[in-house]
Amino acid sequence: MCVGIPLRITEVNGTNAIATDGARTEVLDLSLVGTQPIGTWVLGFLGAARDVLTEDEAERIGAALAGLERVMAGGALGDAFADLTGREPVLPPHLAAAHAAGKTEA
């Protein structure tokens, strides 16, 4: 399984960047997100920056990944998905529109 990792850019060289989350450092292709300033958080996926993240998004994704690592090691999930608890699920806009139009199948 491939998982996107939030990484902060520490160096930019043309369309490539060096980025880290403190535990790992990767070289990322910036072609999909354009050149970004040092300090920007991006979602690294298979050697490419796939999305630009806010610091809050990066922290939430990092917490979720840490929770999954704890569960895989036999521990408890803890509050890794605290932003999802205590609220109703929300459909993405295109699915919400289909649901509102009465569609029940793809």
PDB file of N, CA and C in Angstrom:
ATOM      1  N   MET A   1       0.842  -1.170   0.000  1.00  0.00           N
ATOM      2  CA  MET A   1       0.000   0.000   0.000  1.00  0.00           C
ATOM      3  C   MET A   1       0.893   1.241   0.000  1.00  0.00           C
ATOM      4  N   CYS A   2       0.516   2.227  -0.773  1.00  0.00           N
ATOM      5  CA  CYS A   2       1.242   3.497  -0.833  1.00  0.00           C
ATOM      6  C   CYS A   2       0.457   4.545  -0.057  1.00  0.00           C
ATOM      7  N   VAL A   3       1.164   5.311   0.748  1.00  0.00           N
ATOM      8  CA  VAL A   3       0.532   6.322   1.592  1.00  0.00           C
ATOM      9  C   VAL A   3       1.248   7.644   1.392  1.00  0.00           C
ATOM     10  N   GLY A   4       0.480   8.712   1.232  1.00  0.00           N
ATOM     11  CA  GLY A   4       1.064  10.040   1.140  1.00  0.00           C
ATOM     12  C   GLY A   4       1.551  10.500   2.508  1.00  0.00           C
ATOM     13  N   ILE A   5       2.710  11.143   2.539  1.00  0.00           N
ATOM     14  CA  ILE A   5       3.331  11.580   3.784  1.00  0.00           C
ATOM     15  C   ILE A   5       3.467  13.101   3.765  1.00  0.00           C
ATOM     16  N   PRO A   6       3.028  13.792   4.818  1.00  0.00           N
ATOM     17  CA  PRO A   6       3.254  15.237   4.864  1.00  0.00           C
ATOM     18  C   PRO A   6       4.727  15.537   5.129  1.00  0.00           C
ATOM     19  N   LEU A   7       5.313  16.357   4.262  1.00  0.00           N
ATOM     20  CA  LEU A   7       6.724  16.700   4.351  1.00  0.00           C
ATOM     21  C   LEU A   7       6.888  18.201   4.190  1.00  0.00           C
ATOM     22  N   ARG A   8       7.839  18.780   4.913  1.00  0.00           N
ATOM     23  CA  ARG A   8       8.117  20.217   4.821  1.00  0.00           C
ATOM     24  C   ARG A   8       9.352  20.421   3.953  1.00  0.00           C
ATOM     25  N   ILE A   9       9.226  21.305   2.970  1.00  0.00           N
ATOM     26  CA  ILE A   9      10.315  21.578   2.041  1.00  0.00           C
ATOM     27  C   ILE A   9      11.431  22.324   2.761  1.00  0.00           C
ATOM     28  N   THR A  10      12.662  21.808   2.594  1.00  0.00           N
ATOM     29  CA  THR A  10      13.827  22.442   3.216  1.00  0.00           C
ATOM     30  C   THR A  10      14.799  23.007   2.188  1.00  0.00           C
ATOM     31  N   GLU A  11      14.667  22.564   0.934  1.00  0.00           N
ATOM     32  CA  GLU A  11      15.569  23.022  -0.118  1.00  0.00           C
ATOM     33  C   GLU A  11      14.865  22.844  -1.457  1.00  0.00           C
ATOM     34  N   VAL A  12      15.042  23.809  -2.358  1.00  0.00           N
ATOM     35  CA  VAL A  12      14.446  23.723  -3.695  1.00  0.00           C
ATOM     36  C   VAL A  12      15.546  23.881  -4.732  1.00  0.00           C
ATOM     37  N   ASN A  13      15.502  23.013  -5.745  1.00  0.00           N
ATOM     38  CA  ASN A  13      16.454  23.064  -6.844  1.00  0.00           C
ATOM     39  C   ASN A  13      15.671  22.824  -8.138  1.00  0.00           C
ATOM     40  N   GLY A  14      15.185  23.901  -8.747  1.00  0.00           N
ATOM     41  CA  GLY A  14      14.388  23.775  -9.967  1.00  0.00           C
ATOM     42  C   GLY A  14      13.056  23.115  -9.675  1.00  0.00           C
ATOM     43  N   THR A  15      12.811  21.975 -10.329  1.00  0.00           N
ATOM     44  CA  THR A  15      11.548  21.263 -10.114  1.00  0.00           C
ATOM     45  C   THR A  15      11.667  20.173  -9.061  1.00  0.00           C
ATOM     46  N   ASN A  16      12.791  20.138  -8.354  1.00  0.00           N
ATOM     47  CA  ASN A  16      12.986  19.163  -7.278  1.00  0.00           C
ATOM     48  C   ASN A  16      13.114  19.870  -5.934  1.00  0.00           C
ATOM     49  N   ALA A  17      12.745  19.153  -4.891  1.00  0.00           N
ATOM     50  CA  ALA A  17      12.876  19.700  -3.542  1.00  0.00           C
ATOM     51  C   ALA A  17      13.357  18.603  -2.603  1.00  0.00           C
ATOM     52  N   ILE A  18      14.040  19.023  -1.568  1.00  0.00           N
ATOM     53  CA  ILE A  18      14.349  18.145  -0.440  1.00  0.00           C
ATOM     54  C   ILE A  18      13.313  18.489   0.617  1.00  0.00           C
ATOM     55  N   ALA A  19      12.679  17.468   1.167  1.00  0.00           N
ATOM     56  CA  ALA A  19      11.632  17.694   2.165  1.00  0.00           C
ATOM     57  C   ALA A  19      11.756  16.664   3.274  1.00  0.00           C
ATOM     58  N   THR A  20      11.314  17.039   4.476  1.00  0.00           N
ATOM     59  CA  THR A  20      11.443  16.162   5.640  1.00  0.00           C
ATOM     60  C   THR A  20      10.223  16.274   6.547  1.00  0.00           C
ATOM     61  N   ASP A  21      10.011  15.226   7.316  1.00  0.00           N
ATOM     62  CA  ASP A  21       9.016  15.271   8.386  1.00  0.00           C
ATOM     63  C   ASP A  21       9.701  15.131   9.744  1.00  0.00           C
ATOM     64  N   GLY A  22      11.017  15.195   9.743  1.00  0.00           N
ATOM     65  CA  GLY A  22      11.787  15.037  10.970  1.00  0.00           C
ATOM     66  C   GLY A  22      12.333  13.634  11.133  1.00  0.00           C
ATOM     67  N   ALA A  23      11.619  12.638  10.605  1.00  0.00           N
ATOM     68  CA  ALA A  23      12.065  11.253  10.701  1.00  0.00           C
ATOM     69  C   ALA A  23      12.642  10.750   9.389  1.00  0.00           C
ATOM     70  N   ARG A  24      12.167  11.316   8.290  1.00  0.00           N
ATOM     71  CA  ARG A  24      12.637  10.888   6.969  1.00  0.00           C
ATOM     72  C   ARG A  24      12.860  12.123   6.103  1.00  0.00           C
ATOM     73  N   THR A  25      13.762  11.990   5.154  1.00  0.00           N
ATOM     74  CA  THR A  25      14.032  13.047   4.188  1.00  0.00           C
ATOM     75  C   THR A  25      13.901  12.446   2.801  1.00  0.00           C
ATOM     76  N   GLU A  26      13.226  13.162   1.908  1.00  0.00           N
ATOM     77  CA  GLU A  26      13.002  12.665   0.558  1.00  0.00           C
ATOM     78  C   GLU A  26      13.281  13.744  -0.470  1.00  0.00           C
ATOM     79  N   VAL A  27      13.627  13.302  -1.661  1.00  0.00           N
ATOM     80  CA  VAL A  27      13.696  14.185  -2.824  1.00  0.00           C
ATOM     81  C   VAL A  27      12.346  14.082  -3.517  1.00  0.00           C
ATOM     82  N   LEU A  28      11.711  15.227  -3.741  1.00  0.00           N
ATOM     83  CA  LEU A  28      10.386  15.242  -4.353  1.00  0.00           C
ATOM     84  C   LEU A  28      10.388  16.030  -5.656  1.00  0.00           C
ATOM     85  N   ASP A  29       9.668  15.527  -6.631  1.00  0.00           N
ATOM     86  CA  ASP A  29       9.424  16.236  -7.880  1.00  0.00           C
ATOM     87  C   ASP A  29       8.268  17.213  -7.625  1.00  0.00           C
ATOM     88  N   LEU A  30       8.456  18.482  -7.951  1.00  0.00           N
ATOM     89  CA  LEU A  30       7.445  19.517  -7.707  1.00  0.00           C
ATOM     90  C   LEU A  30       6.581  19.803  -8.931  1.00  0.00           C
ATOM     91  N   SER A  31       6.694  19.014  -9.977  1.00  0.00           N
ATOM     92  CA  SER A  31       5.977  19.297 -11.219  1.00  0.00           C
ATOM     93  C   SER A  31       4.468  19.422 -11.037  1.00  0.00           C
ATOM     94  N   LEU A  32       3.878  18.658 -10.138  1.00  0.00           N
ATOM     95  CA  LEU A  32       2.422  18.688  -9.956  1.00  0.00           C
ATOM     96  C   LEU A  32       1.937  19.876  -9.130  1.00  0.00           C
ATOM     97  N   VAL A  33       2.809  20.458  -8.324  1.00  0.00           N
ATOM     98  CA  VAL A  33       2.383  21.568  -7.448  1.00  0.00           C
ATOM     99  C   VAL A  33       3.103  22.879  -7.764  1.00  0.00           C
ATOM    100  N   GLY A  34       4.072  22.844  -8.654  1.00  0.00           N
ATOM    101  CA  GLY A  34       4.845  24.037  -8.970  1.00  0.00           C
ATOM    102  C   GLY A  34       5.892  24.297  -7.902  1.00  0.00           C
ATOM    103  N   THR A  35       6.803  25.196  -8.217  1.00  0.00           N
ATOM    104  CA  THR A  35       7.855  25.547  -7.259  1.00  0.00           C
ATOM    105  C   THR A  35       7.224  26.141  -6.009  1.00  0.00           C
ATOM    106  N   GLN A  36       7.669  25.686  -4.855  1.00  0.00           N
ATOM    107  CA  GLN A  36       7.127  26.138  -3.573  1.00  0.00           C
ATOM    108  C   GLN A  36       8.259  26.719  -2.730  1.00  0.00           C
ATOM    109  N   PRO A  37       7.930  27.676  -1.874  1.00  0.00           N
ATOM    110  CA  PRO A  37       8.976  28.235  -1.014  1.00  0.00           C
ATOM    111  C   PRO A  37       9.396  27.258   0.086  1.00  0.00           C
ATOM    112  N   ILE A  38      10.616  27.448   0.565  1.00  0.00           N
ATOM    113  CA  ILE A  38      11.107  26.652   1.688  1.00  0.00           C
ATOM    114  C   ILE A  38      10.165  26.857   2.869  1.00  0.00           C
ATOM    115  N   GLY A  39       9.866  25.780   3.571  1.00  0.00           N
ATOM    116  CA  GLY A  39       8.950  25.820   4.709  1.00  0.00           C
ATOM    117  C   GLY A  39       7.542  25.365   4.367  1.00  0.00           C
ATOM    118  N   THR A  40       7.230  25.230   3.078  1.00  0.00           N
ATOM    119  CA  THR A  40       5.898  24.787   2.658  1.00  0.00           C
ATOM    120  C   THR A  40       5.715  23.305   2.950  1.00  0.00           C
ATOM    121  N   TRP A  41       4.532  22.956   3.440  1.00  0.00           N
ATOM    122  CA  TRP A  41       4.179  21.553   3.650  1.00  0.00           C
ATOM    123  C   TRP A  41       3.548  21.018   2.367  1.00  0.00           C
ATOM    124  N   VAL A  42       3.977  19.820   1.954  1.00  0.00           N
ATOM    125  CA  VAL A  42       3.402  19.152   0.791  1.00  0.00           C
ATOM    126  C   VAL A  42       3.098  17.702   1.152  1.00  0.00           C
ATOM    127  N   LEU A  43       2.220  17.092   0.371  1.00  0.00           N
ATOM    128  CA  LEU A  43       1.925  15.676   0.539  1.00  0.00           C
ATOM    129  C   LEU A  43       2.807  14.915  -0.432  1.00  0.00           C
ATOM    130  N   GLY A  44       3.815  14.215   0.100  1.00  0.00           N
ATOM    131  CA  GLY A  44       4.746  13.446  -0.716  1.00  0.00           C
ATOM    132  C   GLY A  44       4.206  12.058  -0.970  1.00  0.00           C
ATOM    133  N   PHE A  45       4.239  11.662  -2.238  1.00  0.00           N
ATOM    134  CA  PHE A  45       3.680  10.369  -2.622  1.00  0.00           C
ATOM    135  C   PHE A  45       4.507   9.812  -3.763  1.00  0.00           C
ATOM    136  N   LEU A  46       5.226   8.727  -3.522  1.00  0.00           N
ATOM    137  CA  LEU A  46       6.030   8.054  -4.534  1.00  0.00           C
ATOM    138  C   LEU A  46       6.990   9.006  -5.247  1.00  0.00           C
ATOM    139  N   GLY A  47       7.680   9.844  -4.473  1.00  0.00           N
ATOM    140  CA  GLY A  47       8.698  10.719  -5.020  1.00  0.00           C
ATOM    141  C   GLY A  47       8.194  12.007  -5.634  1.00  0.00           C
ATOM    142  N   ALA A  48       6.900  12.287  -5.487  1.00  0.00           N
ATOM    143  CA  ALA A  48       6.329  13.519  -6.043  1.00  0.00           C
ATOM    144  C   ALA A  48       5.519  14.243  -4.981  1.00  0.00           C
ATOM    145  N   ALA A  49       5.565  15.569  -5.028  1.00  0.00           N
ATOM    146  CA  ALA A  49       4.679  16.370  -4.183  1.00  0.00           C
ATOM    147  C   ALA A  49       3.332  16.395  -4.894  1.00  0.00           C
ATOM    148  N   ARG A  50       2.299  15.844  -4.252  1.00  0.00           N
ATOM    149  CA  ARG A  50       0.995  15.714  -4.899  1.00  0.00           C
ATOM    150  C   ARG A  50       0.042  16.838  -4.556  1.00  0.00           C
ATOM    151  N   ASP A  51       0.268  17.522  -3.420  1.00  0.00           N
ATOM    152  CA  ASP A  51      -0.634  18.586  -2.984  1.00  0.00           C
ATOM    153  C   ASP A  51       0.118  19.489  -2.018  1.00  0.00           C
ATOM    154  N   VAL A  52      -0.257  20.752  -1.980  1.00  0.00           N
ATOM    155  CA  VAL A  52       0.272  21.692  -0.991  1.00  0.00           C
ATOM    156  C   VAL A  52      -0.663  21.641   0.205  1.00  0.00           C
ATOM    157  N   LEU A  53      -0.101  21.528   1.415  1.00  0.00           N
ATOM    158  CA  LEU A  53      -0.885  21.399   2.635  1.00  0.00           C
ATOM    159  C   LEU A  53      -0.711  22.618   3.530  1.00  0.00           C
ATOM    160  N   THR A  54      -1.737  22.912   4.322  1.00  0.00           N
ATOM    161  CA  THR A  54      -1.554  23.868   5.406  1.00  0.00           C
ATOM    162  C   THR A  54      -0.839  23.136   6.535  1.00  0.00           C
ATOM    163  N   GLU A  55      -0.306  23.887   7.483  1.00  0.00           N
ATOM    164  CA  GLU A  55       0.358  23.249   8.619  1.00  0.00           C
ATOM    165  C   GLU A  55      -0.638  22.395   9.403  1.00  0.00           C
ATOM    166  N   ASP A  56      -1.876  22.860   9.534  1.00  0.00           N
ATOM    167  CA  ASP A  56      -2.908  22.106  10.244  1.00  0.00           C
ATOM    168  C   ASP A  56      -3.198  20.784   9.536  1.00  0.00           C
ATOM    169  N   GLU A  57      -3.330  20.805   8.220  1.00  0.00           N
ATOM    170  CA  GLU A  57      -3.562  19.569   7.464  1.00  0.00           C
ATOM    171  C   GLU A  57      -2.400  18.599   7.648  1.00  0.00           C
ATOM    172  N   ALA A  58      -1.180  19.118   7.581  1.00  0.00           N
ATOM    173  CA  ALA A  58       0.003  18.270   7.757  1.00  0.00           C
ATOM    174  C   ALA A  58       0.003  17.623   9.140  1.00  0.00           C
ATOM    175  N   GLU A  59      -0.358  18.384  10.171  1.00  0.00           N
ATOM    176  CA  GLU A  59      -0.396  17.842  11.536  1.00  0.00           C
ATOM    177  C   GLU A  59      -1.476  16.771  11.666  1.00  0.00           C
ATOM    178  N   ARG A  60      -2.658  16.996  11.095  1.00  0.00           N
ATOM    179  CA  ARG A  60      -3.744  16.010  11.183  1.00  0.00           C
ATOM    180  C   ARG A  60      -3.375  14.719  10.448  1.00  0.00           C
ATOM    181  N   ILE A  61      -2.787  14.847   9.272  1.00  0.00           N
ATOM    182  CA  ILE A  61      -2.372  13.655   8.530  1.00  0.00           C
ATOM    183  C   ILE A  61      -1.269  12.924   9.301  1.00  0.00           C
ATOM    184  N   GLY A  62      -0.311  13.677   9.847  1.00  0.00           N
ATOM    185  CA  GLY A  62       0.753  13.069  10.643  1.00  0.00           C
ATOM    186  C   GLY A  62       0.216  12.329  11.857  1.00  0.00           C
ATOM    187  N   ALA A  63      -0.781  12.910  12.537  1.00  0.00           N
ATOM    188  CA  ALA A  63      -1.394  12.252  13.702  1.00  0.00           C
ATOM    189  C   ALA A  63      -2.106  10.972  13.291  1.00  0.00           C
ATOM    190  N   ALA A  64      -2.796  11.006  12.162  1.00  0.00           N
ATOM    191  CA  ALA A  64      -3.491   9.806  11.685  1.00  0.00           C
ATOM    192  C   ALA A  64      -2.490   8.706  11.346  1.00  0.00           C
ATOM    193  N   LEU A  65      -1.397   9.065  10.674  1.00  0.00           N
ATOM    194  CA  LEU A  65      -0.383   8.060  10.332  1.00  0.00           C
ATOM    195  C   LEU A  65       0.283   7.496  11.583  1.00  0.00           C
ATOM    196  N   ALA A  66       0.537   8.355  12.577  1.00  0.00           N
ATOM    197  CA  ALA A  66       1.123   7.873  13.837  1.00  0.00           C
ATOM    198  C   ALA A  66       0.164   6.913  14.534  1.00  0.00           C
ATOM    199  N   GLY A  67      -1.130   7.213  14.498  1.00  0.00           N
ATOM    200  CA  GLY A  67      -2.130   6.320  15.087  1.00  0.00           C
ATOM    201  C   GLY A  67      -2.152   4.964  14.395  1.00  0.00           C
ATOM    202  N   LEU A  68      -2.071   4.968  13.087  1.00  0.00           N
ATOM    203  CA  LEU A  68      -2.044   3.707  12.353  1.00  0.00           C
ATOM    204  C   LEU A  68      -0.796   2.910  12.674  1.00  0.00           C
ATOM    205  N   GLU A  69       0.339   3.587  12.816  1.00  0.00           N
ATOM    206  CA  GLU A  69       1.572   2.889  13.201  1.00  0.00           C
ATOM    207  C   GLU A  69       1.428   2.246  14.578  1.00  0.00           C
ATOM    208  N   ARG A  70       0.777   2.976  15.519  1.00  0.00           N
ATOM    209  CA  ARG A  70       0.564   2.407  16.862  1.00  0.00           C
ATOM    210  C   ARG A  70      -0.310   1.162  16.793  1.00  0.00           C
ATOM    211  N   VAL A  71      -1.380   1.207  16.014  1.00  0.00           N
ATOM    212  CA  VAL A  71      -2.279   0.055  15.890  1.00  0.00           C
ATOM    213  C   VAL A  71      -1.540  -1.119  15.258  1.00  0.00           C
ATOM    214  N   MET A  72      -0.745  -0.856  14.227  1.00  0.00           N
ATOM    215  CA  MET A  72      -0.002  -1.935  13.566  1.00  0.00           C
ATOM    216  C   MET A  72       1.016  -2.571  14.506  1.00  0.00           C
ATOM    217  N   ALA A  73       1.479  -1.810  15.507  1.00  0.00           N
ATOM    218  CA  ALA A  73       2.423  -2.338  16.491  1.00  0.00           C
ATOM    219  C   ALA A  73       1.703  -2.953  17.690  1.00  0.00           C
ATOM    220  N   GLY A  74       0.373  -3.038  17.630  1.00  0.00           N
ATOM    221  CA  GLY A  74      -0.391  -3.656  18.706  1.00  0.00           C
ATOM    222  C   GLY A  74      -0.895  -2.684  19.748  1.00  0.00           C
ATOM    223  N   GLY A  75      -0.712  -1.396  19.540  1.00  0.00           N
ATOM    224  CA  GLY A  75      -1.154  -0.384  20.501  1.00  0.00           C
ATOM    225  C   GLY A  75      -2.560   0.114  20.203  1.00  0.00           C
ATOM    226  N   ALA A  76      -2.919   1.196  20.859  1.00  0.00           N
ATOM    227  CA  ALA A  76      -4.251   1.785  20.716  1.00  0.00           C
ATOM    228  C   ALA A  76      -4.215   2.939  19.720  1.00  0.00           C
ATOM    229  N   LEU A  77      -5.333   3.172  19.073  1.00  0.00           N
ATOM    230  CA  LEU A  77      -5.448   4.246  18.100  1.00  0.00           C
ATOM    231  C   LEU A  77      -5.338   5.618  18.751  1.00  0.00           C
ATOM    232  N   GLY A  78      -5.811   5.725  19.993  1.00  0.00           N
ATOM    233  CA  GLY A  78      -5.749   7.001  20.707  1.00  0.00           C
ATOM    234  C   GLY A  78      -6.591   8.061  20.026  1.00  0.00           C
ATOM    235  N   ASP A  79      -6.098   9.290  19.977  1.00  0.00           N
ATOM    236  CA  ASP A  79      -6.875  10.381  19.385  1.00  0.00           C
ATOM    237  C   ASP A  79      -6.390  10.719  17.974  1.00  0.00           C
ATOM    238  N   ALA A  80      -5.862   9.716  17.258  1.00  0.00           N
ATOM    239  CA  ALA A  80      -5.285   9.935  15.932  1.00  0.00           C
ATOM    240  C   ALA A  80      -6.284  10.502  14.932  1.00  0.00           C
ATOM    241  N   PHE A  81      -7.560  10.211  15.130  1.00  0.00           N
ATOM    242  CA  PHE A  81      -8.591  10.707  14.222  1.00  0.00           C
ATOM    243  C   PHE A  81      -9.578  11.591  14.973  1.00  0.00           C
ATOM    244  N   ALA A  82      -9.073  12.395  15.904  1.00  0.00           N
ATOM    245  CA  ALA A  82      -9.931  13.248  16.733  1.00  0.00           C
ATOM    246  C   ALA A  82     -10.766  14.206  15.898  1.00  0.00           C
ATOM    247  N   ASP A  83     -10.244  14.638  14.753  1.00  0.00           N
ATOM    248  CA  ASP A  83     -10.996  15.570  13.912  1.00  0.00           C
ATOM    249  C   ASP A  83     -12.198  14.908  13.244  1.00  0.00           C
ATOM    250  N   LEU A  84     -12.287  13.576  13.283  1.00  0.00           N
ATOM    251  CA  LEU A  84     -13.410  12.873  12.662  1.00  0.00           C
ATOM    252  C   LEU A  84     -14.442  12.384  13.667  1.00  0.00           C
ATOM    253  N   THR A  85     -14.097  12.365  14.943  1.00  0.00           N
ATOM    254  CA  THR A  85     -15.030  11.856  15.940  1.00  0.00           C
ATOM    255  C   THR A  85     -15.998  12.950  16.367  1.00  0.00           C
ATOM    256  N   GLY A  86     -17.177  12.531  16.753  1.00  0.00           N
ATOM    257  CA  GLY A  86     -18.169  13.470  17.259  1.00  0.00           C
ATOM    258  C   GLY A  86     -18.851  14.295  16.181  1.00  0.00           C
ATOM    259  N   ARG A  87     -18.787  13.846  14.932  1.00  0.00           N
ATOM    260  CA  ARG A  87     -19.489  14.562  13.869  1.00  0.00           C
ATOM    261  C   ARG A  87     -20.004  13.559  12.850  1.00  0.00           C
ATOM    262  N   GLU A  88     -20.987  13.974  12.099  1.00  0.00           N
ATOM    263  CA  GLU A  88     -21.544  13.125  11.056  1.00  0.00           C
ATOM    264  C   GLU A  88     -20.595  13.088   9.859  1.00  0.00           C
ATOM    265  N   PRO A  89     -20.550  11.963   9.162  1.00  0.00           N
ATOM    266  CA  PRO A  89     -19.725  11.914   7.958  1.00  0.00           C
ATOM    267  C   PRO A  89     -20.230  12.919   6.918  1.00  0.00           C
ATOM    268  N   VAL A  90     -19.320  13.451   6.122  1.00  0.00           N
ATOM    269  CA  VAL A  90     -19.665  14.425   5.090  1.00  0.00           C
ATOM    270  C   VAL A  90     -19.222  13.877   3.740  1.00  0.00           C
ATOM    271  N   LEU A  91     -20.170  13.851   2.789  1.00  0.00           N
ATOM    272  CA  LEU A  91     -19.833  13.381   1.455  1.00  0.00           C
ATOM    273  C   LEU A  91     -19.068  14.454   0.690  1.00  0.00           C
ATOM    274  N   PRO A  92     -18.169  14.045  -0.210  1.00  0.00           N
ATOM    275  CA  PRO A  92     -17.535  15.029  -1.087  1.00  0.00           C
ATOM    276  C   PRO A  92     -18.617  15.706  -1.927  1.00  0.00           C
ATOM    277  N   PRO A  93     -18.370  16.932  -2.390  1.00  0.00           N
ATOM    278  CA  PRO A  93     -19.401  17.688  -3.100  1.00  0.00           C
ATOM    279  C   PRO A  93     -20.065  16.948  -4.266  1.00  0.00           C
ATOM    280  N   HIS A  94     -19.286  16.227  -5.080  1.00  0.00           N
ATOM    281  CA  HIS A  94     -19.899  15.552  -6.229  1.00  0.00           C
ATOM    282  C   HIS A  94     -20.828  14.414  -5.797  1.00  0.00           C
ATOM    283  N   LEU A  95     -20.504  13.737  -4.698  1.00  0.00           N
ATOM    284  CA  LEU A  95     -21.391  12.686  -4.198  1.00  0.00           C
ATOM    285  C   LEU A  95     -22.598  13.274  -3.478  1.00  0.00           C
ATOM    286  N   ALA A  96     -22.414  14.380  -2.771  1.00  0.00           N
ATOM    287  CA  ALA A  96     -23.538  15.052  -2.117  1.00  0.00           C
ATOM    288  C   ALA A  96     -24.548  15.514  -3.164  1.00  0.00           C
ATOM    289  N   ALA A  97     -24.071  16.038  -4.299  1.00  0.00           N
ATOM    290  CA  ALA A  97     -24.970  16.481  -5.376  1.00  0.00           C
ATOM    291  C   ALA A  97     -25.725  15.293  -5.966  1.00  0.00           C
ATOM    292  N   ALA A  98     -25.040  14.178  -6.178  1.00  0.00           N
ATOM    293  CA  ALA A  98     -25.693  12.982  -6.711  1.00  0.00           C
ATOM    294  C   ALA A  98     -26.739  12.465  -5.728  1.00  0.00           C
ATOM    295  N   HIS A  99     -26.396  12.458  -4.449  1.00  0.00           N
ATOM    296  CA  HIS A  99     -27.343  12.008  -3.425  1.00  0.00           C
ATOM    297  C   HIS A  99     -28.566  12.922  -3.377  1.00  0.00           C
ATOM    298  N   ALA A 100     -28.350  14.225  -3.437  1.00  0.00           N
ATOM    299  CA  ALA A 100     -29.450  15.192  -3.410  1.00  0.00           C
ATOM    300  C   ALA A 100     -30.354  15.028  -4.630  1.00  0.00           C
ATOM    301  N   ALA A 101     -29.785  14.562  -5.759  1.00  0.00           N
ATOM    302  CA  ALA A 101     -30.557  14.355  -6.972  1.00  0.00           C
ATOM    303  C   ALA A 101     -31.271  12.994  -6.962  1.00  0.00           C
ATOM    304  N   GLY A 102     -31.086  12.230  -5.881  1.00  0.00           N
ATOM    305  CA  GLY A 102     -31.769  10.953  -5.742  1.00  0.00           C
ATOM    306  C   GLY A 102     -31.055   9.774  -6.351  1.00  0.00           C
ATOM    307  N   LYS A 103     -29.821   9.956  -6.791  1.00  0.00           N
ATOM    308  CA  LYS A 103     -29.067   8.845  -7.380  1.00  0.00           C
ATOM    309  C   LYS A 103     -28.585   7.915  -6.274  1.00  0.00           C
ATOM    310  N   THR A 104     -28.755   6.617  -6.506  1.00  0.00           N
ATOM    311  CA  THR A 104     -28.325   5.640  -5.523  1.00  0.00           C
ATOM    312  C   THR A 104     -27.306   4.662  -6.085  1.00  0.00           C
ATOM    313  N   GLU A 105     -27.016   4.766  -7.409  1.00  0.00           N
ATOM    314  CA  GLU A 105     -26.041   3.875  -8.041  1.00  0.00           C
ATOM    315  C   GLU A 105     -25.098   4.697  -8.909  1.00  0.00           C
ATOM    316  N   ALA A 106     -23.964   4.119  -9.175  1.00  0.00           N
ATOM    317  CA  ALA A 106     -22.962   4.808 -10.022  1.00  0.00           C
ATOM    318  C   ALA A 106     -23.386   4.818 -11.470  1.00  0.00           C
TER     319      ALA A 106
END
